[in-house]
Structure formats: structure tokens, C-alpha cells
């Protein structure tokens, strides 16, 4: 949401407000080891940090209102991002895009978000894209397994059909051979020639 012109942070250089708000959150283990400031206590942490960076400090109440506005902005951005990612996912599903392609796309979006500077990165959005990537990857795996089963089913059906045709052909030859043997009109030579013809000898 737009920052009010009379808000304390409105007078700060671009990007400074987001950076200050980021520093009010607990640092990760890596950030703490690197010495990242943690603006936890107003008197002990915030005031010395602002003074060190030449920023005119607000009152305690103004600082509290600043953090509240930033939290609201962050929540709004997350909601917008969540809705955007939902629409992307719905669009992919509706368009019947290859789930593996969708998984790669979502992974790329998650990586792009993770590559942003800490003050611009949205961890929730990053997790949303990562979760969507996992969901589409699972769908791709299921599709692959179903395709393999379908292929095996077709192969089994073809093998069964071939076996049935061979069996029926063998029965026809057997019936023809019985008929040739029982035909009293045939001489022994004719009967033998007939049997060779039947069995393809």
C-alpha cells in the first residue's frame, strides 16, 4: 500500500525502510555469524543504529507504528503473491501444460526469489513456488508411472493376442491334419504331401 507522505519512513532514502524493517527480524545463523544487526530493542539497538547511519530517530511510538505499517505492507504483498502463484498454477492446470515443464518453471521462480537481496526477498513467496514445484514434480512422476503401466498393459495385450492367434492357428492345423489322416480317398503319398503342406514342411 502507498506510504503516507507524513509517515516517518516517507522521508527515508529509497529502500532504507525495507532494510530497517528487515533488521527488526531475527537474523539467521549465517547472518548472526556475519555480524548482521538485530534491531530488537528500541533504546539498546534501534537508536544507536540510526545514529550511526545518520538517520533522524523517531519516537518510540512512531517506531512502533512504522513496524506495524511495514508488517501490513508485507502481509499485503504476500497475499498478492499467493494469489498470483495460485492463478499461475490454475492456468498451468487448465492449459494442460506438461507437469514437468510446470515443475521446472516453479523451481525457476523459487530460485529467482531466493537470489534476490535479503531486503527484497519474500521467504513465503519463495516457499510457495518451491511447494508448487514439488506438487507438479509429483504429478509428473505419477503421469510417468501411469504411462509406463499403460505401455506395459498394451504390451501384455499384444502378447496375449499373439499367443491366442498362435494357439488358434495350431488348432486349425491340427484339425486339418486329422481331416487329411481320416480322408480315405487320399493315397499314402497324397496324405503325406497334404500333411507337409499343413505343417509347412
C-alpha atoms as a PDB file:
ATOM      1  CA  UNK A   1       0.000   0.000   0.000  1.00  0.00           C
ATOM      2  CA  UNK A   2       1.254   3.569  -0.652  1.00  0.00           C
ATOM      3  CA  UNK A   3       3.265   5.180   2.169  1.00  0.00           C
ATOM      4  CA  UNK A   4       1.627   8.229   3.705  1.00  0.00           C
ATOM      5  CA  UNK A   5       3.558  11.412   2.978  1.00  0.00           C
ATOM      6  CA  UNK A   6       3.625  12.306   6.667  1.00  0.00           C
ATOM      7  CA  UNK A   7       4.912   8.892   7.751  1.00  0.00           C
ATOM      8  CA  UNK A   8       8.385   8.819   9.300  1.00  0.00           C
ATOM      9  CA  UNK A   9       9.708   6.363   6.682  1.00  0.00           C
ATOM     10  CA  UNK A  10       8.487   8.564   3.813  1.00  0.00           C
ATOM     11  CA  UNK A  11      11.468  10.836   4.435  1.00  0.00           C
ATOM     12  CA  UNK A  12      13.997   7.991   4.215  1.00  0.00           C
ATOM     13  CA  UNK A  13      16.060   7.168   1.104  1.00  0.00           C
ATOM     14  CA  UNK A  14      14.576   4.534  -1.213  1.00  0.00           C
ATOM     15  CA  UNK A  15      14.983   1.032   0.150  1.00  0.00           C
ATOM     16  CA  UNK A  16      16.034   2.170   3.636  1.00  0.00           C
ATOM     17  CA  UNK A  17      12.646   1.498   5.228  1.00  0.00           C
ATOM     18  CA  UNK A  18      12.578  -2.098   3.989  1.00  0.00           C
ATOM     19  CA  UNK A  19      16.140  -2.644   5.161  1.00  0.00           C
ATOM     20  CA  UNK A  20      15.369  -1.261   8.623  1.00  0.00           C
ATOM     21  CA  UNK A  21      12.280  -3.444   8.859  1.00  0.00           C
ATOM     22  CA  UNK A  22      14.297  -6.490   7.766  1.00  0.00           C
ATOM     23  CA  UNK A  23      16.747  -5.805  10.578  1.00  0.00           C
ATOM     24  CA  UNK A  24      13.905  -5.947  13.115  1.00  0.00           C
ATOM     25  CA  UNK A  25      13.551  -9.663  12.356  1.00  0.00           C
ATOM     26  CA  UNK A  26      15.804 -12.267  13.994  1.00  0.00           C
ATOM     27  CA  UNK A  27      18.879 -12.970  11.851  1.00  0.00           C
ATOM     28  CA  UNK A  28      19.575 -16.417  10.501  1.00  0.00           C
ATOM     29  CA  UNK A  29      22.516 -18.340  11.941  1.00  0.00           C
ATOM     30  CA  UNK A  30      24.662 -17.329   8.974  1.00  0.00           C
ATOM     31  CA  UNK A  31      23.629 -13.660   9.286  1.00  0.00           C
ATOM     32  CA  UNK A  32      24.331 -13.644  13.020  1.00  0.00           C
ATOM     33  CA  UNK A  33      27.780 -15.129  12.427  1.00  0.00           C
ATOM     34  CA  UNK A  34      28.394 -12.423   9.833  1.00  0.00           C
ATOM     35  CA  UNK A  35      27.505  -9.757  12.393  1.00  0.00           C
ATOM     36  CA  UNK A  36      24.168  -8.644  10.951  1.00  0.00           C
ATOM     37  CA  UNK A  37      22.488  -6.090  13.264  1.00  0.00           C
ATOM     38  CA  UNK A  38      19.283  -7.074  15.048  1.00  0.00           C
ATOM     39  CA  UNK A  39      17.100  -4.070  15.846  1.00  0.00           C
ATOM     40  CA  UNK A  40      15.249  -5.746  18.661  1.00  0.00           C
ATOM     41  CA  UNK A  41      15.209  -3.206  21.492  1.00  0.00           C
ATOM     42  CA  UNK A  42      14.390   0.415  20.685  1.00  0.00           C
ATOM     43  CA  UNK A  43      16.804   2.045  23.151  1.00  0.00           C
ATOM     44  CA  UNK A  44      19.613  -0.507  23.061  1.00  0.00           C
ATOM     45  CA  UNK A  45      19.581  -1.413  19.336  1.00  0.00           C
ATOM     46  CA  UNK A  46      17.472   0.940  17.216  1.00  0.00           C
ATOM     47  CA  UNK A  47      18.646   4.339  18.445  1.00  0.00           C
ATOM     48  CA  UNK A  48      22.406   3.568  18.240  1.00  0.00           C
ATOM     49  CA  UNK A  49      21.989   2.029  14.762  1.00  0.00           C
ATOM     50  CA  UNK A  50      20.047   5.023  13.396  1.00  0.00           C
ATOM     51  CA  UNK A  51      22.543   7.459  14.907  1.00  0.00           C
ATOM     52  CA  UNK A  52      25.461   5.525  13.382  1.00  0.00           C
ATOM     53  CA  UNK A  53      23.854   5.772   9.936  1.00  0.00           C
ATOM     54  CA  UNK A  54      22.869   9.426  10.211  1.00  0.00           C
ATOM     55  CA  UNK A  55      19.125   8.758  10.329  1.00  0.00           C
ATOM     56  CA  UNK A  56      16.965  11.020  12.468  1.00  0.00           C
ATOM     57  CA  UNK A  57      15.408   8.736  15.060  1.00  0.00           C
ATOM     58  CA  UNK A  58      11.636   8.702  15.569  1.00  0.00           C
ATOM     59  CA  UNK A  59       9.896   8.483  18.898  1.00  0.00           C
ATOM     60  CA  UNK A  60       9.267   5.053  20.353  1.00  0.00           C
ATOM     61  CA  UNK A  61       5.579   5.304  19.384  1.00  0.00           C
ATOM     62  CA  UNK A  62       6.468   6.353  15.820  1.00  0.00           C
ATOM     63  CA  UNK A  63       8.886   3.437  15.512  1.00  0.00           C
ATOM     64  CA  UNK A  64       6.140   1.074  16.696  1.00  0.00           C
ATOM     65  CA  UNK A  65       3.711   2.498  14.099  1.00  0.00           C
ATOM     66  CA  UNK A  66       6.426   2.205  11.420  1.00  0.00           C
ATOM     67  CA  UNK A  67       6.887  -1.513  12.153  1.00  0.00           C
ATOM     68  CA  UNK A  68       3.115  -2.026  12.131  1.00  0.00           C
ATOM     69  CA  UNK A  69       2.766  -0.380   8.702  1.00  0.00           C
ATOM     70  CA  UNK A  70       5.643  -2.441   7.323  1.00  0.00           C
ATOM     71  CA  UNK A  71       4.062  -5.649   8.630  1.00  0.00           C
ATOM     72  CA  UNK A  72       0.795  -4.731   6.940  1.00  0.00           C
ATOM     73  CA  UNK A  73       2.594  -3.977   3.668  1.00  0.00           C
ATOM     74  CA  UNK A  74       4.458  -7.288   3.873  1.00  0.00           C
ATOM     75  CA  UNK A  75       1.219  -9.174   4.511  1.00  0.00           C
ATOM     76  CA  UNK A  76      -0.445  -7.443   1.551  1.00  0.00           C
ATOM     77  CA  UNK A  77       2.489  -8.300  -0.739  1.00  0.00           C
ATOM     78  CA  UNK A  78       2.360 -11.923   0.394  1.00  0.00           C
ATOM     79  CA  UNK A  79      -1.378 -12.172  -0.263  1.00  0.00           C
ATOM     80  CA  UNK A  80      -0.918 -10.694  -3.731  1.00  0.00           C
ATOM     81  CA  UNK A  81       1.969 -13.068  -4.425  1.00  0.00           C
ATOM     82  CA  UNK A  82      -0.003 -16.062  -3.155  1.00  0.00           C
ATOM     83  CA  UNK A  83      -2.964 -15.178  -5.347  1.00  0.00           C
ATOM     84  CA  UNK A  84      -0.638 -14.653  -8.315  1.00  0.00           C
ATOM     85  CA  UNK A  85       1.020 -18.031  -7.797  1.00  0.00           C
ATOM     86  CA  UNK A  86      -2.406 -19.662  -7.439  1.00  0.00           C
ATOM     87  CA  UNK A  87      -3.519 -18.157 -10.727  1.00  0.00           C
ATOM     88  CA  UNK A  88      -0.308 -19.349 -12.379  1.00  0.00           C
ATOM     89  CA  UNK A  89      -0.877 -22.868 -11.053  1.00  0.00           C
ATOM     90  CA  UNK A  90      -4.528 -22.826 -12.105  1.00  0.00           C
ATOM     91  CA  UNK A  91      -3.573 -21.546 -15.544  1.00  0.00           C
ATOM     92  CA  UNK A  92      -0.989 -24.290 -15.959  1.00  0.00           C
ATOM     93  CA  UNK A  93      -3.520 -26.937 -14.934  1.00  0.00           C
ATOM     94  CA  UNK A  94      -6.295 -25.516 -17.133  1.00  0.00           C
ATOM     95  CA  UNK A  95      -3.944 -25.300 -20.112  1.00  0.00           C
ATOM     96  CA  UNK A  96      -2.835 -28.909 -19.567  1.00  0.00           C
ATOM     97  CA  UNK A  97       0.819 -27.882 -19.662  1.00  0.00           C
ATOM     98  CA  UNK A  98       3.301 -30.705 -19.141  1.00  0.00           C
ATOM     99  CA  UNK A  99       3.641 -31.022 -15.333  1.00  0.00           C
ATOM    100  CA  UNK A 100       7.406 -31.480 -15.629  1.00  0.00           C
ATOM    101  CA  UNK A 101       7.610 -28.179 -17.507  1.00  0.00           C
ATOM    102  CA  UNK A 102       5.443 -26.584 -14.800  1.00  0.00           C
ATOM    103  CA  UNK A 103       7.716 -28.026 -12.086  1.00  0.00           C
ATOM    104  CA  UNK A 104      10.780 -26.578 -13.811  1.00  0.00           C
ATOM    105  CA  UNK A 105       9.038 -23.220 -14.153  1.00  0.00           C
ATOM    106  CA  UNK A 106       8.070 -23.085 -10.462  1.00  0.00           C
ATOM    107  CA  UNK A 107      11.561 -24.163  -9.421  1.00  0.00           C
ATOM    108  CA  UNK A 108      12.997 -21.349 -11.515  1.00  0.00           C
ATOM    109  CA  UNK A 109      10.650 -18.814  -9.872  1.00  0.00           C
ATOM    110  CA  UNK A 110      11.643 -20.086  -6.410  1.00  0.00           C
ATOM    111  CA  UNK A 111      15.341 -19.821  -7.267  1.00  0.00           C
ATOM    112  CA  UNK A 112      14.821 -16.319  -8.673  1.00  0.00           C
ATOM    113  CA  UNK A 113      13.141 -15.247  -5.428  1.00  0.00           C
ATOM    114  CA  UNK A 114      15.931 -16.802  -3.346  1.00  0.00           C
ATOM    115  CA  UNK A 115      18.537 -14.933  -5.413  1.00  0.00           C
ATOM    116  CA  UNK A 116      17.059 -11.546  -4.557  1.00  0.00           C
ATOM    117  CA  UNK A 117      18.824  -9.320  -1.999  1.00  0.00           C
ATOM    118  CA  UNK A 118      17.642 -10.085   1.574  1.00  0.00           C
ATOM    119  CA  UNK A 119      15.750  -6.797   1.818  1.00  0.00           C
ATOM    120  CA  UNK A 120      13.711  -7.668  -1.308  1.00  0.00           C
ATOM    121  CA  UNK A 121      13.340 -11.416  -0.803  1.00  0.00           C
ATOM    122  CA  UNK A 122       9.970 -12.789   0.281  1.00  0.00           C
ATOM    123  CA  UNK A 123      10.543 -16.090   2.078  1.00  0.00           C
ATOM    124  CA  UNK A 124       6.836 -17.031   1.985  1.00  0.00           C
ATOM    125  CA  UNK A 125       6.615 -16.493  -1.755  1.00  0.00           C
ATOM    126  CA  UNK A 126       9.806 -18.497  -2.231  1.00  0.00           C
ATOM    127  CA  UNK A 127       8.280 -21.377  -0.248  1.00  0.00           C
ATOM    128  CA  UNK A 128       5.024 -21.144  -2.217  1.00  0.00           C
ATOM    129  CA  UNK A 129       6.863 -21.536  -5.515  1.00  0.00           C
ATOM    130  CA  UNK A 130       9.013 -24.351  -4.072  1.00  0.00           C
ATOM    131  CA  UNK A 131       5.893 -26.185  -2.844  1.00  0.00           C
ATOM    132  CA  UNK A 132       4.216 -25.721  -6.236  1.00  0.00           C
ATOM    133  CA  UNK A 133       7.352 -27.098  -7.924  1.00  0.00           C
ATOM    134  CA  UNK A 134       7.219 -30.183  -5.686  1.00  0.00           C
ATOM    135  CA  UNK A 135       3.498 -30.634  -6.397  1.00  0.00           C
ATOM    136  CA  UNK A 136       3.981 -30.517 -10.175  1.00  0.00           C
ATOM    137  CA  UNK A 137       7.068 -32.757  -9.950  1.00  0.00           C
ATOM    138  CA  UNK A 138       4.967 -35.357  -8.100  1.00  0.00           C
ATOM    139  CA  UNK A 139       2.266 -35.022 -10.758  1.00  0.00           C
ATOM    140  CA  UNK A 140       4.888 -35.541 -13.479  1.00  0.00           C
ATOM    141  CA  UNK A 141       6.149 -38.664 -11.699  1.00  0.00           C
ATOM    142  CA  UNK A 142       2.602 -40.037 -11.388  1.00  0.00           C
ATOM    143  CA  UNK A 143       1.973 -39.353 -15.079  1.00  0.00           C
ATOM    144  CA  UNK A 144       5.185 -41.186 -15.956  1.00  0.00           C
ATOM    145  CA  UNK A 145       4.246 -44.184 -13.816  1.00  0.00           C
ATOM    146  CA  UNK A 146       0.754 -44.300 -15.337  1.00  0.00           C
ATOM    147  CA  UNK A 147       2.263 -44.127 -18.830  1.00  0.00           C
ATOM    148  CA  UNK A 148       4.637 -46.994 -18.028  1.00  0.00           C
ATOM    149  CA  UNK A 149       1.735 -49.066 -16.718  1.00  0.00           C
ATOM    150  CA  UNK A 150      -0.313 -48.249 -19.799  1.00  0.00           C
ATOM    151  CA  UNK A 151       2.609 -49.214 -22.065  1.00  0.00           C
ATOM    152  CA  UNK A 152       3.062 -52.492 -20.174  1.00  0.00           C
ATOM    153  CA  UNK A 153      -0.661 -53.148 -20.420  1.00  0.00           C
ATOM    154  CA  UNK A 154      -0.554 -52.637 -24.182  1.00  0.00           C
ATOM    155  CA  UNK A 155       2.459 -54.941 -24.485  1.00  0.00           C
ATOM    156  CA  UNK A 156       0.703 -57.594 -22.394  1.00  0.00           C
ATOM    157  CA  UNK A 157      -2.447 -57.277 -24.515  1.00  0.00           C
ATOM    158  CA  UNK A 158      -0.420 -57.616 -27.718  1.00  0.00           C
ATOM    159  CA  UNK A 159       1.442 -60.647 -26.348  1.00  0.00           C
ATOM    160  CA  UNK A 160      -1.829 -62.253 -25.288  1.00  0.00           C
ATOM    161  CA  UNK A 161      -3.382 -61.562 -28.696  1.00  0.00           C
ATOM    162  CA  UNK A 162      -0.360 -63.076 -30.453  1.00  0.00           C
ATOM    163  CA  UNK A 163      -0.431 -66.149 -28.203  1.00  0.00           C
ATOM    164  CA  UNK A 164      -4.165 -66.588 -28.890  1.00  0.00           C
ATOM    165  CA  UNK A 165      -3.602 -66.307 -32.648  1.00  0.00           C
ATOM    166  CA  UNK A 166      -0.811 -68.887 -32.482  1.00  0.00           C
ATOM    167  CA  UNK A 167      -2.995 -71.232 -30.468  1.00  0.00           C
ATOM    168  CA  UNK A 168      -5.920 -70.862 -32.878  1.00  0.00           C
ATOM    169  CA  UNK A 169      -3.597 -71.414 -35.860  1.00  0.00           C
ATOM    170  CA  UNK A 170      -2.234 -74.579 -34.207  1.00  0.00           C
ATOM    171  CA  UNK A 171      -5.798 -75.817 -33.648  1.00  0.00           C
ATOM    172  CA  UNK A 172      -6.668 -75.201 -37.299  1.00  0.00           C
ATOM    173  CA  UNK A 173      -3.576 -77.135 -38.432  1.00  0.00           C
ATOM    174  CA  UNK A 174      -4.438 -79.963 -36.051  1.00  0.00           C
ATOM    175  CA  UNK A 175      -7.988 -80.165 -37.368  1.00  0.00           C
ATOM    176  CA  UNK A 176      -6.732 -80.083 -40.972  1.00  0.00           C
ATOM    177  CA  UNK A 177      -4.211 -82.834 -40.203  1.00  0.00           C
ATOM    178  CA  UNK A 178      -6.894 -85.001 -38.604  1.00  0.00           C
ATOM    179  CA  UNK A 179      -9.046 -84.438 -41.666  1.00  0.00           C
ATOM    180  CA  UNK A 180      -6.218 -85.473 -44.005  1.00  0.00           C
ATOM    181  CA  UNK A 181      -5.486 -88.634 -41.991  1.00  0.00           C
ATOM    182  CA  UNK A 182      -9.178 -89.599 -41.917  1.00  0.00           C
ATOM    183  CA  UNK A 183      -9.673 -88.963 -45.675  1.00  0.00           C
ATOM    184  CA  UNK A 184      -9.791 -92.466 -47.168  1.00  0.00           C
ATOM    185  CA  UNK A 185      -9.782 -91.091 -50.697  1.00  0.00           C
ATOM    186  CA  UNK A 186      -6.154 -89.987 -50.348  1.00  0.00           C
ATOM    187  CA  UNK A 187      -3.276 -92.293 -51.133  1.00  0.00           C
ATOM    188  CA  UNK A 188      -0.467 -92.554 -48.603  1.00  0.00           C
ATOM    189  CA  UNK A 189       1.683 -90.296 -50.791  1.00  0.00           C
ATOM    190  CA  UNK A 190      -1.074 -87.738 -51.164  1.00  0.00           C
ATOM    191  CA  UNK A 191      -1.797 -87.845 -47.434  1.00  0.00           C
ATOM    192  CA  UNK A 192       1.901 -87.266 -46.636  1.00  0.00           C
ATOM    193  CA  UNK A 193       2.079 -84.360 -49.119  1.00  0.00           C
ATOM    194  CA  UNK A 194      -1.064 -82.885 -47.546  1.00  0.00           C
ATOM    195  CA  UNK A 195       0.388 -83.123 -44.012  1.00  0.00           C
ATOM    196  CA  UNK A 196       3.637 -81.466 -45.160  1.00  0.00           C
ATOM    197  CA  UNK A 197       1.641 -78.637 -46.686  1.00  0.00           C
ATOM    198  CA  UNK A 198      -0.415 -78.214 -43.490  1.00  0.00           C
ATOM    199  CA  UNK A 199       2.652 -78.014 -41.239  1.00  0.00           C
ATOM    200  CA  UNK A 200       4.737 -76.009 -43.714  1.00  0.00           C
ATOM    201  CA  UNK A 201       7.403 -78.635 -44.083  1.00  0.00           C
END
